[in-house]
Amino acid sequence: MFTLLTPLIMNATVLTSLSISGFTELPDGLLQNQKQLGSLYVRSCSLKSSSDLLDNLSSLKYLEIRGCSIESLPVGLQNLSSLKTLHLNCCDSLVSLPVNGLQGLSSLSSLRIQNCKTLASLSEGVGYLTSLQDFLINGRPELTSLPRSIQYLSSLRYLSICNCRGLISLPDEIQHLTLLSELEIEHCYNLMSLPQGVGNLTALQKLTISGCPHLQRRCKKLRGEDWPNIAHIPSIEIFNKRW
């Protein structure tokens, strides 16, 4: 079936949305003519980091890669200058994000990385995402820290860190996220404390902590060691919930 469809896809020039799933190998140049493609969903495929799948997609605004066998993201990612949303989900072979490969994503406003279990660290290249407003990290048991370059996410308004059991600290550089209005931390059992720089986040309107026993103790109203750094936040929700 895919062999039959390949010429149709390669020769079509008016596709605006495309979903590809269940293939072990994608032919080179599959999307070379898709100048108008705005949304691309790639699911349960085997991808190579050297794949040209993302080349020439100058209009692409939404990209989701889910359940794919891939160790690093395709090189063409750095050329997606129109990309607004990037979702990576259940890519268990993904071990790294490219340092320079994120440099071209100057328009990216939403980044969600979920259940990529072998991705042990975030690239310092995250700092290039200066238009990012929405950042979610979920299901990363090997993650122990966030990159210091997070300080350059000057447009960030929402940060969610969930189910990262190996996370033991947050960088004090978080204090430079001057537009951050909501911070959510859930089920990070080994996160010992909040950085002192949280006290400088004057735009922060909501802090949610759930299933983080050390933070729960340290953020107790008036009595916790971290309370002086969060007392200015209008809405604070702390739950002692375990899954």
C-alpha atoms as a PDB file:
ATOM      1  CA  MET A   1       0.000   0.000   0.000  1.00  0.00           C
ATOM      2  CA  PHE A   2       2.752   2.430   0.953  1.00  0.00           C
ATOM      3  CA  THR A   3       4.555   1.700  -2.332  1.00  0.00           C
ATOM      4  CA  LEU A   4       1.427   2.665  -4.205  1.00  0.00           C
ATOM      5  CA  LEU A   5       0.886   5.829  -2.209  1.00  0.00           C
ATOM      6  CA  THR A   6       4.478   7.036  -2.326  1.00  0.00           C
ATOM      7  CA  PRO A   7       4.299   8.540  -5.860  1.00  0.00           C
ATOM      8  CA  LEU A   8       1.036  10.286  -4.970  1.00  0.00           C
ATOM      9  CA  ILE A   9       2.560  11.876  -1.878  1.00  0.00           C
ATOM     10  CA  MET A  10       5.813  12.804  -3.592  1.00  0.00           C
ATOM     11  CA  ASN A  11       4.045  14.423  -6.535  1.00  0.00           C
ATOM     12  CA  ALA A  12       1.306  16.181  -4.567  1.00  0.00           C
ATOM     13  CA  THR A  13       1.939  19.845  -3.879  1.00  0.00           C
ATOM     14  CA  VAL A  14      -1.195  20.930  -2.002  1.00  0.00           C
ATOM     15  CA  LEU A  15      -1.105  18.757   1.133  1.00  0.00           C
ATOM     16  CA  THR A  16      -1.579  20.767   4.328  1.00  0.00           C
ATOM     17  CA  SER A  17      -1.754  17.885   6.836  1.00  0.00           C
ATOM     18  CA  LEU A  18      -0.281  14.387   6.723  1.00  0.00           C
ATOM     19  CA  SER A  19      -0.114  11.398   9.082  1.00  0.00           C
ATOM     20  CA  ILE A  20       2.463   8.645   8.535  1.00  0.00           C
ATOM     21  CA  SER A  21       2.451   5.528  10.704  1.00  0.00           C
ATOM     22  CA  GLY A  22       3.676   1.959  10.966  1.00  0.00           C
ATOM     23  CA  PHE A  23       6.584   1.915   8.515  1.00  0.00           C
ATOM     24  CA  THR A  24      10.080   0.564   9.091  1.00  0.00           C
ATOM     25  CA  GLU A  25      11.687   2.663   6.402  1.00  0.00           C
ATOM     26  CA  LEU A  26      10.603   5.869   4.741  1.00  0.00           C
ATOM     27  CA  PRO A  27      11.809   6.595   1.188  1.00  0.00           C
ATOM     28  CA  ASP A  28      14.188   9.492   0.660  1.00  0.00           C
ATOM     29  CA  GLY A  29      12.542  12.616  -0.659  1.00  0.00           C
ATOM     30  CA  LEU A  30       9.068  11.560   0.446  1.00  0.00           C
ATOM     31  CA  LEU A  31       8.026  15.101   1.383  1.00  0.00           C
ATOM     32  CA  GLN A  32      10.369  17.061  -0.834  1.00  0.00           C
ATOM     33  CA  ASN A  33       7.530  18.843  -2.647  1.00  0.00           C
ATOM     34  CA  GLN A  34       5.367  19.625   0.373  1.00  0.00           C
ATOM     35  CA  LYS A  35       5.936  23.367   0.563  1.00  0.00           C
ATOM     36  CA  GLN A  36       2.421  23.932   1.980  1.00  0.00           C
ATOM     37  CA  LEU A  37       2.421  21.174   4.599  1.00  0.00           C
ATOM     38  CA  GLY A  38       1.381  22.695   7.912  1.00  0.00           C
ATOM     39  CA  SER A  39       0.936  19.626  10.169  1.00  0.00           C
ATOM     40  CA  LEU A  40       2.880  16.358  10.204  1.00  0.00           C
ATOM     41  CA  TYR A  41       2.216  13.339  12.424  1.00  0.00           C
ATOM     42  CA  VAL A  42       4.823  10.549  12.387  1.00  0.00           C
ATOM     43  CA  ARG A  43       3.841   7.553  14.497  1.00  0.00           C
ATOM     44  CA  SER A  44       5.344   4.090  15.068  1.00  0.00           C
ATOM     45  CA  CYS A  45       7.967   4.501  12.367  1.00  0.00           C
ATOM     46  CA  SER A  46      11.670   3.775  12.267  1.00  0.00           C
ATOM     47  CA  LEU A  47      13.547   6.995  11.604  1.00  0.00           C
ATOM     48  CA  LYS A  48      17.211   7.722  11.023  1.00  0.00           C
ATOM     49  CA  SER A  49      18.833  10.859  12.341  1.00  0.00           C
ATOM     50  CA  SER A  50      20.147  11.478   8.821  1.00  0.00           C
ATOM     51  CA  SER A  51      16.657  11.202   7.311  1.00  0.00           C
ATOM     52  CA  ASP A  52      15.657  13.973   4.910  1.00  0.00           C
ATOM     53  CA  LEU A  53      12.022  13.683   6.000  1.00  0.00           C
ATOM     54  CA  LEU A  54      11.951  17.224   7.398  1.00  0.00           C
ATOM     55  CA  ASP A  55      13.891  18.902   4.611  1.00  0.00           C
ATOM     56  CA  ASN A  56      12.113  21.620   2.610  1.00  0.00           C
ATOM     57  CA  LEU A  57       9.079  21.824   4.950  1.00  0.00           C
ATOM     58  CA  SER A  58       9.224  25.603   5.129  1.00  0.00           C
ATOM     59  CA  SER A  59       5.535  25.996   6.108  1.00  0.00           C
ATOM     60  CA  LEU A  60       5.390  23.287   8.790  1.00  0.00           C
ATOM     61  CA  LYS A  61       3.855  24.604  12.011  1.00  0.00           C
ATOM     62  CA  TYR A  62       2.967  21.397  13.917  1.00  0.00           C
ATOM     63  CA  LEU A  63       5.141  18.292  14.255  1.00  0.00           C
ATOM     64  CA  GLU A  64       4.363  15.231  16.364  1.00  0.00           C
ATOM     65  CA  ILE A  65       6.713  12.246  16.567  1.00  0.00           C
ATOM     66  CA  ARG A  66       5.161   9.435  18.601  1.00  0.00           C
ATOM     67  CA  GLY A  67       6.267   5.873  19.291  1.00  0.00           C
ATOM     68  CA  CYS A  68       9.093   6.056  16.770  1.00  0.00           C
ATOM     69  CA  SER A  69      12.422   4.239  16.843  1.00  0.00           C
ATOM     70  CA  ILE A  70      14.931   7.049  16.664  1.00  0.00           C
ATOM     71  CA  GLU A  71      18.110   7.867  18.621  1.00  0.00           C
ATOM     72  CA  SER A  72      18.335  11.530  17.646  1.00  0.00           C
ATOM     73  CA  LEU A  73      16.085  13.908  15.777  1.00  0.00           C
ATOM     74  CA  PRO A  74      16.382  14.340  11.983  1.00  0.00           C
ATOM     75  CA  VAL A  75      18.918  16.915  10.869  1.00  0.00           C
ATOM     76  CA  GLY A  76      16.260  18.860   8.972  1.00  0.00           C
ATOM     77  CA  LEU A  77      14.634  19.895  12.259  1.00  0.00           C
ATOM     78  CA  GLN A  78      16.928  22.918  12.458  1.00  0.00           C
ATOM     79  CA  ASN A  79      15.457  24.309   9.232  1.00  0.00           C
ATOM     80  CA  LEU A  80      11.818  24.374  10.387  1.00  0.00           C
ATOM     81  CA  SER A  81      11.733  28.126  10.882  1.00  0.00           C
ATOM     82  CA  SER A  82       7.899  28.250  10.881  1.00  0.00           C
ATOM     83  CA  LEU A  83       7.414  25.487  13.470  1.00  0.00           C
ATOM     84  CA  LYS A  84       5.162  26.479  16.382  1.00  0.00           C
ATOM     85  CA  THR A  85       4.544  23.147  18.122  1.00  0.00           C
ATOM     86  CA  LEU A  86       6.829  20.141  18.627  1.00  0.00           C
ATOM     87  CA  HIS A  87       5.572  17.069  20.484  1.00  0.00           C
ATOM     88  CA  LEU A  88       7.824  14.070  21.172  1.00  0.00           C
ATOM     89  CA  ASN A  89       6.021  11.143  22.762  1.00  0.00           C
ATOM     90  CA  CYS A  90       6.993   7.543  23.606  1.00  0.00           C
ATOM     91  CA  CYS A  91      10.233   7.591  21.608  1.00  0.00           C
ATOM     92  CA  ASP A  92      12.052   5.141  23.876  1.00  0.00           C
ATOM     93  CA  SER A  93      15.232   5.041  21.749  1.00  0.00           C
ATOM     94  CA  LEU A  94      15.741   8.805  21.806  1.00  0.00           C
ATOM     95  CA  VAL A  95      18.904   9.517  23.793  1.00  0.00           C
ATOM     96  CA  SER A  96      19.628  13.153  23.001  1.00  0.00           C
ATOM     97  CA  LEU A  97      18.383  16.414  21.592  1.00  0.00           C
ATOM     98  CA  PRO A  98      20.723  18.139  19.139  1.00  0.00           C
ATOM     99  CA  VAL A  99      22.650  21.077  20.611  1.00  0.00           C
ATOM    100  CA  ASN A 100      22.680  23.085  17.388  1.00  0.00           C
ATOM    101  CA  GLY A 101      19.650  21.380  15.881  1.00  0.00           C
ATOM    102  CA  LEU A 102      17.315  23.558  17.918  1.00  0.00           C
ATOM    103  CA  GLN A 103      18.942  26.792  16.839  1.00  0.00           C
ATOM    104  CA  GLY A 104      16.657  27.339  13.861  1.00  0.00           C
ATOM    105  CA  LEU A 105      13.424  26.908  15.830  1.00  0.00           C
ATOM    106  CA  SER A 106      13.065  30.584  16.580  1.00  0.00           C
ATOM    107  CA  SER A 107       9.258  30.483  16.197  1.00  0.00           C
ATOM    108  CA  LEU A 108       8.603  27.453  18.450  1.00  0.00           C
ATOM    109  CA  SER A 109       6.037  28.299  21.122  1.00  0.00           C
ATOM    110  CA  SER A 110       5.150  24.834  22.494  1.00  0.00           C
ATOM    111  CA  LEU A 111       7.509  21.940  23.315  1.00  0.00           C
ATOM    112  CA  ARG A 112       6.224  18.758  24.942  1.00  0.00           C
ATOM    113  CA  ILE A 113       8.488  15.797  25.660  1.00  0.00           C
ATOM    114  CA  GLN A 114       6.614  12.853  27.131  1.00  0.00           C
ATOM    115  CA  ASN A 115       7.553   9.270  27.996  1.00  0.00           C
ATOM    116  CA  CYS A 116      10.895   9.265  26.193  1.00  0.00           C
ATOM    117  CA  LYS A 117      12.415   7.034  28.841  1.00  0.00           C
ATOM    118  CA  THR A 118      16.053   6.952  27.696  1.00  0.00           C
ATOM    119  CA  LEU A 119      16.392  10.706  27.191  1.00  0.00           C
ATOM    120  CA  ALA A 120      18.611  11.388  30.204  1.00  0.00           C
ATOM    121  CA  SER A 121      19.407  15.045  29.583  1.00  0.00           C
ATOM    122  CA  LEU A 122      18.115  18.076  27.772  1.00  0.00           C
ATOM    123  CA  SER A 123      20.485  19.800  25.395  1.00  0.00           C
ATOM    124  CA  GLU A 124      21.875  23.226  26.219  1.00  0.00           C
ATOM    125  CA  GLY A 125      20.439  24.036  22.799  1.00  0.00           C
ATOM    126  CA  VAL A 126      17.112  24.536  24.569  1.00  0.00           C
ATOM    127  CA  GLY A 127      18.332  28.060  25.196  1.00  0.00           C
ATOM    128  CA  TYR A 128      17.795  28.895  21.522  1.00  0.00           C
ATOM    129  CA  LEU A 129      14.022  28.571  21.934  1.00  0.00           C
ATOM    130  CA  THR A 130      13.473  32.200  22.827  1.00  0.00           C
ATOM    131  CA  SER A 131       9.835  32.209  21.622  1.00  0.00           C
ATOM    132  CA  LEU A 132       8.858  29.180  23.730  1.00  0.00           C
ATOM    133  CA  GLN A 133       5.814  29.822  25.916  1.00  0.00           C
ATOM    134  CA  ASP A 134       4.689  26.304  26.856  1.00  0.00           C
ATOM    135  CA  PHE A 135       7.203  23.653  28.025  1.00  0.00           C
ATOM    136  CA  LEU A 136       6.140  20.254  29.343  1.00  0.00           C
ATOM    137  CA  ILE A 137       8.487  17.451  30.431  1.00  0.00           C
ATOM    138  CA  ASN A 138       6.742  14.237  31.483  1.00  0.00           C
ATOM    139  CA  GLY A 139       7.849  10.656  32.102  1.00  0.00           C
ATOM    140  CA  ARG A 140      11.619  11.152  32.049  1.00  0.00           C
ATOM    141  CA  PRO A 141      12.918   8.843  34.837  1.00  0.00           C
ATOM    142  CA  GLU A 142      16.574   9.266  33.816  1.00  0.00           C
ATOM    143  CA  LEU A 143      16.517  13.063  33.892  1.00  0.00           C
ATOM    144  CA  THR A 144      18.548  14.415  36.836  1.00  0.00           C
ATOM    145  CA  SER A 145      18.613  18.135  36.062  1.00  0.00           C
ATOM    146  CA  LEU A 146      17.555  20.849  33.646  1.00  0.00           C
ATOM    147  CA  PRO A 147      20.119  22.726  31.538  1.00  0.00           C
ATOM    148  CA  ARG A 148      21.318  26.089  32.777  1.00  0.00           C
ATOM    149  CA  SER A 149      20.419  27.513  29.367  1.00  0.00           C
ATOM    150  CA  ILE A 150      16.774  27.429  30.453  1.00  0.00           C
ATOM    151  CA  GLN A 151      17.435  30.979  31.605  1.00  0.00           C
ATOM    152  CA  TYR A 152      17.241  32.146  27.980  1.00  0.00           C
ATOM    153  CA  LEU A 153      13.610  31.056  27.544  1.00  0.00           C
ATOM    154  CA  SER A 154      12.562  34.668  27.909  1.00  0.00           C
ATOM    155  CA  SER A 155       9.002  34.119  26.609  1.00  0.00           C
ATOM    156  CA  LEU A 156       8.184  31.100  28.792  1.00  0.00           C
ATOM    157  CA  ARG A 157       4.852  31.321  30.625  1.00  0.00           C
ATOM    158  CA  TYR A 158       4.067  27.702  31.526  1.00  0.00           C
ATOM    159  CA  LEU A 159       6.529  25.079  32.796  1.00  0.00           C
ATOM    160  CA  SER A 160       5.405  21.581  33.773  1.00  0.00           C
ATOM    161  CA  ILE A 161       7.769  18.894  35.082  1.00  0.00           C
ATOM    162  CA  CYS A 162       6.075  15.570  35.824  1.00  0.00           C
ATOM    163  CA  ASN A 163       7.106  11.994  36.591  1.00  0.00           C
ATOM    164  CA  CYS A 164      10.828  12.686  36.540  1.00  0.00           C
ATOM    165  CA  ARG A 165      11.886  10.466  39.427  1.00  0.00           C
ATOM    166  CA  GLY A 166      15.602  11.015  38.918  1.00  0.00           C
ATOM    167  CA  LEU A 167      15.359  14.803  39.082  1.00  0.00           C
ATOM    168  CA  ILE A 168      17.202  16.024  42.180  1.00  0.00           C
ATOM    169  CA  SER A 169      17.442  19.767  41.563  1.00  0.00           C
ATOM    170  CA  LEU A 170      16.314  22.697  39.464  1.00  0.00           C
ATOM    171  CA  PRO A 171      18.862  25.275  38.293  1.00  0.00           C
ATOM    172  CA  ASP A 172      18.864  28.632  40.041  1.00  0.00           C
ATOM    173  CA  GLU A 173      18.865  30.154  36.538  1.00  0.00           C
ATOM    174  CA  ILE A 174      15.113  29.619  36.621  1.00  0.00           C
ATOM    175  CA  GLN A 175      14.992  33.045  38.267  1.00  0.00           C
ATOM    176  CA  HIS A 176      15.498  34.636  34.840  1.00  0.00           C
ATOM    177  CA  LEU A 177      12.132  33.366  33.525  1.00  0.00           C
ATOM    178  CA  THR A 178      10.552  36.731  34.198  1.00  0.00           C
ATOM    179  CA  LEU A 179       7.291  36.011  32.321  1.00  0.00           C
ATOM    180  CA  LEU A 180       6.650  32.603  33.937  1.00  0.00           C
ATOM    181  CA  SER A 181       3.112  32.602  35.300  1.00  0.00           C
ATOM    182  CA  GLU A 182       2.536  28.903  36.083  1.00  0.00           C
ATOM    183  CA  LEU A 183       4.909  26.266  37.443  1.00  0.00           C
ATOM    184  CA  GLU A 184       3.765  22.684  37.877  1.00  0.00           C
ATOM    185  CA  ILE A 185       5.887  19.965  39.516  1.00  0.00           C
ATOM    186  CA  GLU A 186       4.367  16.517  39.943  1.00  0.00           C
ATOM    187  CA  HIS A 187       5.717  13.133  41.030  1.00  0.00           C
ATOM    188  CA  CYS A 188       9.357  14.145  41.158  1.00  0.00           C
ATOM    189  CA  TYR A 189       9.997  12.132  44.295  1.00  0.00           C
ATOM    190  CA  ASN A 190      13.699  12.951  44.624  1.00  0.00           C
ATOM    191  CA  LEU A 191      13.512  16.684  44.005  1.00  0.00           C
ATOM    192  CA  MET A 192      14.941  17.994  47.250  1.00  0.00           C
ATOM    193  CA  SER A 193      14.095  21.698  47.173  1.00  0.00           C
ATOM    194  CA  LEU A 194      13.166  24.692  45.061  1.00  0.00           C
ATOM    195  CA  PRO A 195      15.963  27.029  43.973  1.00  0.00           C
ATOM    196  CA  GLN A 196      16.171  30.284  45.871  1.00  0.00           C
ATOM    197  CA  GLY A 197      15.723  32.132  42.582  1.00  0.00           C
ATOM    198  CA  VAL A 198      12.020  31.217  42.555  1.00  0.00           C
ATOM    199  CA  GLY A 199      11.606  34.170  44.875  1.00  0.00           C
ATOM    200  CA  ASN A 200      12.474  36.476  41.961  1.00  0.00           C
ATOM    201  CA  LEU A 201       9.651  35.197  39.746  1.00  0.00           C
ATOM    202  CA  THR A 202       7.311  38.113  40.319  1.00  0.00           C
ATOM    203  CA  ALA A 203       5.013  37.133  37.411  1.00  0.00           C
ATOM    204  CA  LEU A 204       4.383  33.671  38.877  1.00  0.00           C
ATOM    205  CA  GLN A 205       0.668  33.358  39.617  1.00  0.00           C
ATOM    206  CA  LYS A 206       0.288  29.635  40.284  1.00  0.00           C
ATOM    207  CA  LEU A 207       2.507  26.946  41.796  1.00  0.00           C
ATOM    208  CA  THR A 208       1.334  23.336  41.877  1.00  0.00           C
ATOM    209  CA  ILE A 209       3.277  20.622  43.713  1.00  0.00           C
ATOM    210  CA  SER A 210       1.963  17.059  43.813  1.00  0.00           C
ATOM    211  CA  GLY A 211       3.580  13.796  44.860  1.00  0.00           C
ATOM    212  CA  CYS A 212       6.894  15.441  45.815  1.00  0.00           C
ATOM    213  CA  PRO A 213       7.445  14.600  49.508  1.00  0.00           C
ATOM    214  CA  HIS A 214      10.555  16.728  50.020  1.00  0.00           C
ATOM    215  CA  LEU A 215       8.975  19.797  48.415  1.00  0.00           C
ATOM    216  CA  GLN A 216       5.762  19.272  50.320  1.00  0.00           C
ATOM    217  CA  ARG A 217       7.679  19.481  53.592  1.00  0.00           C
ATOM    218  CA  ARG A 218       9.846  22.421  52.571  1.00  0.00           C
ATOM    219  CA  CYS A 219       6.938  24.455  51.159  1.00  0.00           C
ATOM    220  CA  LYS A 220       4.680  24.279  54.206  1.00  0.00           C
ATOM    221  CA  LYS A 221       3.065  27.621  54.844  1.00  0.00           C
ATOM    222  CA  LEU A 222       5.104  29.777  57.216  1.00  0.00           C
ATOM    223  CA  ARG A 223       7.127  26.821  58.523  1.00  0.00           C
ATOM    224  CA  GLY A 224       8.838  25.327  55.461  1.00  0.00           C
ATOM    225  CA  GLU A 225      12.408  26.264  54.489  1.00  0.00           C
ATOM    226  CA  ASP A 226      11.269  27.234  50.989  1.00  0.00           C
ATOM    227  CA  TRP A 227       8.191  29.164  52.096  1.00  0.00           C
ATOM    228  CA  PRO A 228       9.906  32.601  52.059  1.00  0.00           C
ATOM    229  CA  ASN A 229      10.705  32.076  48.359  1.00  0.00           C
ATOM    230  CA  ILE A 230       7.137  31.215  47.347  1.00  0.00           C
ATOM    231  CA  ALA A 231       5.037  33.316  49.722  1.00  0.00           C
ATOM    232  CA  HIS A 232       4.480  35.960  47.033  1.00  0.00           C
ATOM    233  CA  ILE A 233       2.681  33.529  44.692  1.00  0.00           C
ATOM    234  CA  PRO A 234      -1.124  34.159  44.732  1.00  0.00           C
ATOM    235  CA  SER A 235      -2.141  30.516  44.176  1.00  0.00           C
ATOM    236  CA  ILE A 236      -0.213  27.636  45.759  1.00  0.00           C
ATOM    237  CA  GLU A 237      -1.546  24.085  45.588  1.00  0.00           C
ATOM    238  CA  ILE A 238       0.333  21.284  47.334  1.00  0.00           C
ATOM    239  CA  PHE A 239      -0.924  17.698  47.270  1.00  0.00           C
ATOM    240  CA  ASN A 240       0.553  14.635  48.932  1.00  0.00           C
ATOM    241  CA  LYS A 241      -0.403  12.254  46.145  1.00  0.00           C
ATOM    242  CA  ARG A 242       1.417   9.120  45.034  1.00  0.00           C
ATOM    243  CA  TRP A 243       0.720   6.907  42.054  1.00  0.00           C
END
